[in-house]
Protein backbone atom coordinates (compact mmCIF):
# COMPACT_ATOMS: atom_id res chain seq x y z
CA LYS A 1 -73.88 156.95 74.69
CA VAL A 2 -77.31 157.72 74.22
CA ILE A 3 -79.10 156.25 71.40
CA ASN A 4 -83.07 157.50 69.67
CA GLN A 5 -84.78 153.96 69.27
CA GLY A 6 -87.97 156.23 68.04
CA SER A 7 -88.94 157.62 65.17
CA GLU A 8 -89.03 161.16 66.12
CA PRO A 9 -85.86 163.47 66.90
CA ILE A 10 -85.38 163.82 70.72
CA GLY A 11 -84.40 166.82 72.44
CA ILE A 12 -82.26 166.32 75.68
CA ARG A 13 -80.87 168.76 78.55
CA VAL A 14 -78.51 167.94 80.64
CA LYS A 15 -78.12 168.64 84.28
CA VAL A 16 -75.65 167.45 87.52
CA GLY A 17 -76.87 167.16 90.86
CA HIS A 18 -76.19 165.89 94.28
CA TRP A 19 -78.36 163.31 95.71
CA ASP A 20 -78.88 160.42 98.71
CA LEU A 21 -81.49 157.84 99.20
CA ASP A 22 -84.41 158.22 101.53
CA GLU A 23 -85.85 156.11 104.33
CA GLN A 24 -87.76 154.31 101.26
CA ASN A 25 -84.31 153.83 99.16
CA ARG A 26 -85.80 156.35 96.49
CA LEU A 27 -83.88 158.97 95.04
CA ARG A 28 -83.51 162.15 96.88
CA GLU A 29 -82.16 165.34 95.01
CA ILE A 30 -80.25 167.55 97.84
CA ALA A 31 -78.53 170.57 98.22
CA PRO A 32 -74.98 170.63 96.79
CA THR A 33 -71.86 171.35 99.02
CA GLU A 34 -68.17 172.03 98.47
CA GLN A 35 -67.49 168.63 98.63
CA SER A 36 -70.01 167.17 96.50
CA LEU A 37 -68.73 165.70 93.32
CA ASP A 38 -71.57 167.41 91.43
CA GLN A 39 -69.77 170.53 91.66
CA TRP A 40 -66.80 169.27 90.31
CA ILE A 41 -68.14 167.75 87.18
CA ILE A 42 -68.02 169.35 83.74
CA VAL A 43 -70.21 168.27 80.89
CA ARG A 44 -70.36 168.24 77.33
CA PRO A 45 -72.76 169.12 75.48
CA LEU A 46 -75.46 170.70 77.78
CA LYS A 47 -78.02 170.34 75.07
CA LEU A 48 -78.46 168.01 72.14
CA THR A 49 -80.55 166.70 69.96
CA ILE A 50 -80.58 163.08 68.41
CA PRO A 51 -82.19 161.92 65.21
CA PRO A 52 -84.46 159.28 64.90
CA GLY A 53 -82.00 155.79 64.85
CA LYS A 54 -78.99 157.86 65.77
CA SER A 55 -76.72 158.01 68.98
CA ARG A 56 -74.78 161.16 70.63
CA THR A 57 -72.03 160.66 72.95
CA LEU A 58 -71.88 162.77 76.27
CA ARG A 59 -68.44 163.24 77.87
CA PHE A 60 -67.51 164.29 81.41
CA ALA A 61 -64.72 165.30 83.28
CA VAL A 62 -63.98 165.73 87.03
CA ARG A 63 -61.95 168.90 88.20
CA PRO A 64 -62.15 169.36 91.80
CA TYR A 65 -61.69 173.24 92.69
CA THR A 66 -61.29 172.51 96.17
CA ARG A 67 -58.91 169.22 98.09
CA PRO A 68 -61.32 166.36 97.92
CA LYS A 69 -62.08 164.78 101.39
CA PRO A 70 -61.15 161.01 102.15
CA GLY A 71 -64.30 159.20 101.34
CA GLU A 72 -67.13 158.66 98.85
CA HIS A 73 -68.19 161.70 96.79
CA ARG A 74 -71.44 161.13 94.41
CA ALA A 75 -73.36 162.94 91.84
CA MET A 76 -76.34 162.01 89.25
CA ILE A 77 -76.25 163.39 85.86
CA PHE A 78 -80.12 163.87 84.64
CA LEU A 79 -80.51 163.22 80.99
CA GLU A 80 -84.21 165.52 80.72
CA GLN A 81 -86.26 165.11 77.59
CA THR A 82 -87.28 168.58 76.07
CA GLY A 83 -89.93 169.50 73.52
CA ALA A 84 -93.41 167.95 72.88
CA TYR A 85 -94.57 165.20 75.06
CA GLN A 86 -94.11 161.50 73.38
CA LYS A 87 -97.20 159.00 73.39
CA ASN A 88 -96.48 155.47 73.73
CA ALA A 89 -98.52 152.74 72.44
CA GLN A 90 -101.44 152.78 75.01
CA GLY A 91 -101.52 156.71 74.40
CA ILE A 92 -99.97 158.10 77.41
CA ALA A 93 -98.25 161.10 76.92
CA MET A 94 -94.59 161.41 78.54
CA ARG A 95 -91.13 162.87 78.78
CA PHE A 96 -88.50 160.57 80.30
CA ARG A 97 -85.47 161.47 82.86
CA PHE A 98 -82.76 159.21 83.26
CA GLY A 99 -80.08 159.39 85.85
CA VAL A 100 -76.42 158.30 85.60
CA ALA A 101 -75.09 157.71 89.05
CA VAL A 102 -71.05 158.62 89.42
CA TYR A 103 -69.00 157.62 92.18
CA ALA A 104 -65.67 159.22 92.90
CA HIS A 105 -63.41 157.55 95.75
CA VAL A 106 -60.57 159.78 97.45
CA GLY A 107 -58.18 157.45 99.45
CA GLN A 108 -58.81 153.83 100.36
CA THR A 109 -62.03 152.53 99.87
CA ILE A 110 -63.63 150.64 102.63
CA ARG A 111 -66.86 148.87 101.90
CA LYS A 112 -68.25 147.50 105.34
CA GLY A 113 -71.81 146.93 106.44
CA ASP A 114 -73.72 145.48 109.76
CA VAL A 115 -76.53 143.74 109.61
CA LYS A 116 -78.36 145.28 112.71
CA ALA A 117 -81.44 143.22 112.10
CA VAL A 118 -83.60 141.25 110.05
CA VAL A 119 -87.56 140.93 109.89
CA ALA A 120 -89.98 138.70 107.74
CA GLU A 121 -93.41 137.81 107.15
CA GLY A 122 -95.83 136.04 104.34
CA ARG A 123 -94.94 138.53 101.54
CA GLY A 124 -91.33 139.57 101.87
CA PHE A 125 -88.37 140.31 104.28
CA GLY A 126 -86.22 143.31 105.31
CA VAL A 127 -82.58 143.52 105.83
CA ASP A 128 -81.73 146.57 108.01
CA ILE A 129 -77.96 147.41 107.43
CA LYS A 130 -75.37 150.29 108.92
CA SER A 131 -72.83 151.17 106.23
CA VAL A 132 -69.71 151.82 108.24
CA GLY A 133 -67.00 152.09 105.71
CA THR A 134 -66.04 154.94 103.44
CA ALA A 135 -67.98 153.72 100.37
CA ASN A 136 -71.24 152.46 99.78
CA VAL A 137 -72.32 148.97 100.49
CA ARG A 138 -74.59 146.61 98.97
CA MET A 139 -75.66 143.32 99.27
CA ASN A 140 -74.45 140.74 96.84
CA GLY A 141 -76.10 136.74 97.10
CA LYS A 142 -78.67 134.78 97.44
CA PHE A 143 -81.54 133.92 99.95
CA GLY A 144 -83.83 130.76 100.46
CA ILE A 145 -86.62 130.41 102.59
CA TRP A 146 -87.32 126.72 103.93
CA PRO A 147 -90.72 125.23 106.19
CA ALA A 148 -89.08 124.90 109.65
CA ASN A 149 -89.84 120.95 109.46
CA LYS A 150 -87.72 121.05 106.04
CA PHE A 151 -84.63 123.03 106.96
CA PRO A 152 -81.49 120.89 106.47
CA GLY A 153 -79.54 123.39 108.54
CA GLU A 154 -77.54 126.41 107.99
CA GLU A 155 -74.64 124.90 106.44
CA SER A 156 -76.40 122.86 104.24
CA ALA A 157 -78.64 125.96 103.20
CA ARG A 158 -76.09 128.04 102.27
CA GLN A 159 -74.34 125.15 100.35
CA ALA A 160 -77.42 124.41 98.49
CA LEU A 161 -77.75 128.15 97.87
CA ALA A 162 -74.22 128.49 96.42
CA ALA A 163 -74.89 125.33 94.05
CA VAL A 164 -78.05 127.03 92.27
CA SER A 165 -77.08 129.40 89.70
CA GLY A 166 -80.02 132.11 87.88
CA LYS A 167 -79.62 135.70 86.85
CA GLU A 168 -83.33 136.52 87.65
CA LYS A 169 -84.98 137.72 91.01
CA LYS A 170 -86.35 134.26 91.59
CA ILE A 171 -83.76 131.25 91.05
CA ALA A 172 -84.51 127.61 91.08
CA ARG A 173 -85.41 126.23 94.82
CA PRO A 174 -82.88 124.22 96.42
CA ARG A 175 -84.16 121.03 97.69
CA GLY A 176 -86.93 121.19 100.35
CA ALA A 177 -87.29 125.54 100.09
CA ALA A 178 -90.45 127.09 99.73
CA ILE A 179 -88.73 129.96 97.68
CA ALA A 180 -85.60 131.27 96.95
CA GLY A 181 -84.34 134.56 94.73
CA LEU A 182 -81.31 137.05 94.66
CA LEU A 183 -80.66 139.78 97.22
CA PRO A 184 -80.72 143.11 95.70
CA SER A 185 -77.90 145.21 95.12
CA THR A 186 -79.71 148.98 96.65
CA PRO A 187 -76.80 150.71 97.92
CA VAL A 188 -76.47 151.66 101.55
CA LEU A 189 -74.45 155.08 101.31
CA PRO A 190 -71.22 155.56 104.11
CA GLY A 191 -73.03 156.56 107.30
CA TYR A 192 -76.38 155.75 106.47
CA ARG A 193 -78.65 153.11 107.95
CA ARG A 194 -81.34 151.91 105.86
CA GLN A 195 -83.66 148.92 105.70
CA ILE A 196 -83.67 146.74 102.17
CA ASN A 197 -87.01 145.51 101.61
CA VAL A 198 -87.23 142.11 99.66
CA PRO A 199 -90.74 141.35 98.25
CA LEU A 200 -91.15 137.55 97.36
CA ALA A 201 -92.54 136.51 94.18
CA GLU A 202 -95.33 134.30 96.25
CA GLU A 203 -97.06 134.52 99.27
CA LEU A 204 -96.07 131.95 101.76
CA LYS A 205 -98.67 129.96 103.21
CA PRO A 206 -99.08 130.16 107.00
CA GLY A 207 -96.36 128.44 109.31
CA LYS A 208 -93.25 128.42 110.36
CA TYR A 209 -90.30 129.11 108.29
CA ARG A 210 -86.25 129.61 108.39
CA LEU A 211 -84.86 132.60 106.23
CA VAL A 212 -80.93 132.08 105.35
CA LEU A 213 -78.92 134.87 103.57
CA ALA A 214 -75.83 133.90 101.68
CA GLY A 215 -73.02 135.82 99.90
CA LYS A 216 -71.24 138.97 100.79
CA LEU A 217 -72.15 142.74 102.25
CA GLY A 218 -69.43 144.62 100.73
CA THR A 219 -66.13 142.94 101.16
CA SER A 220 -67.51 141.07 104.64
CA LYS A 221 -69.21 137.59 104.22
CA LEU A 222 -73.32 137.63 104.76
CA ALA A 223 -74.15 134.48 106.38
CA ARG A 224 -77.69 135.30 108.51
CA SER A 225 -80.57 133.08 109.33
CA HIS A 226 -83.73 133.96 110.88
CA LEU A 227 -86.78 131.74 112.07
CA PHE A 228 -90.14 133.58 111.92
CA GLN A 229 -93.90 132.63 111.80
CA VAL A 230 -96.47 133.47 109.27
CA PRO A 231 -99.98 133.21 111.20
CA GLN A 232 -103.03 132.10 110.13
């Protein structure tokens, strides 16, 4: 369902494409194949106009014309604004292009990933992940960073993170921690290896720190710690 919250009618053109994520985890449109989901999706309507304050519903069906191979198939349904550029409150003329990711799984779905490395510095850290299952894998959990001289131990740190609630990127700090937050849910596609970078809300002061990751990576437990130094 697409809602026009503006004061003018909005024209929309619908397209379907094949995609992956580049080395910086940005969306990248790539050429379709016989086994890409975009070739099997039928969307109606392909063009529509939404009056101000109204909504319209797009419907799609998946109809493979060849036998799908086991594993994950993906597509992106793009909604592109047509007509004149719209000016926002700052006077910037723009059009929107919104993408809705669609995943289709054939056969058994295995969400498994390996953490190859963890790197950290004063402004953030990166988790190097390889997806070795049949579907995309994502981190789901929290992180905490403690000064090395206040670190309570790995098990106590993970228990402290589990006890902290929060839906924002920055969550309440466990006792003694310099900073804590939620891990991003950026997908790593099956067969890909990517570094997921996590910027910190506050830059760390020089010193020695211990980073703890707690949660899940796909269906596996995520429990890693990493000692690092922030130089002068």
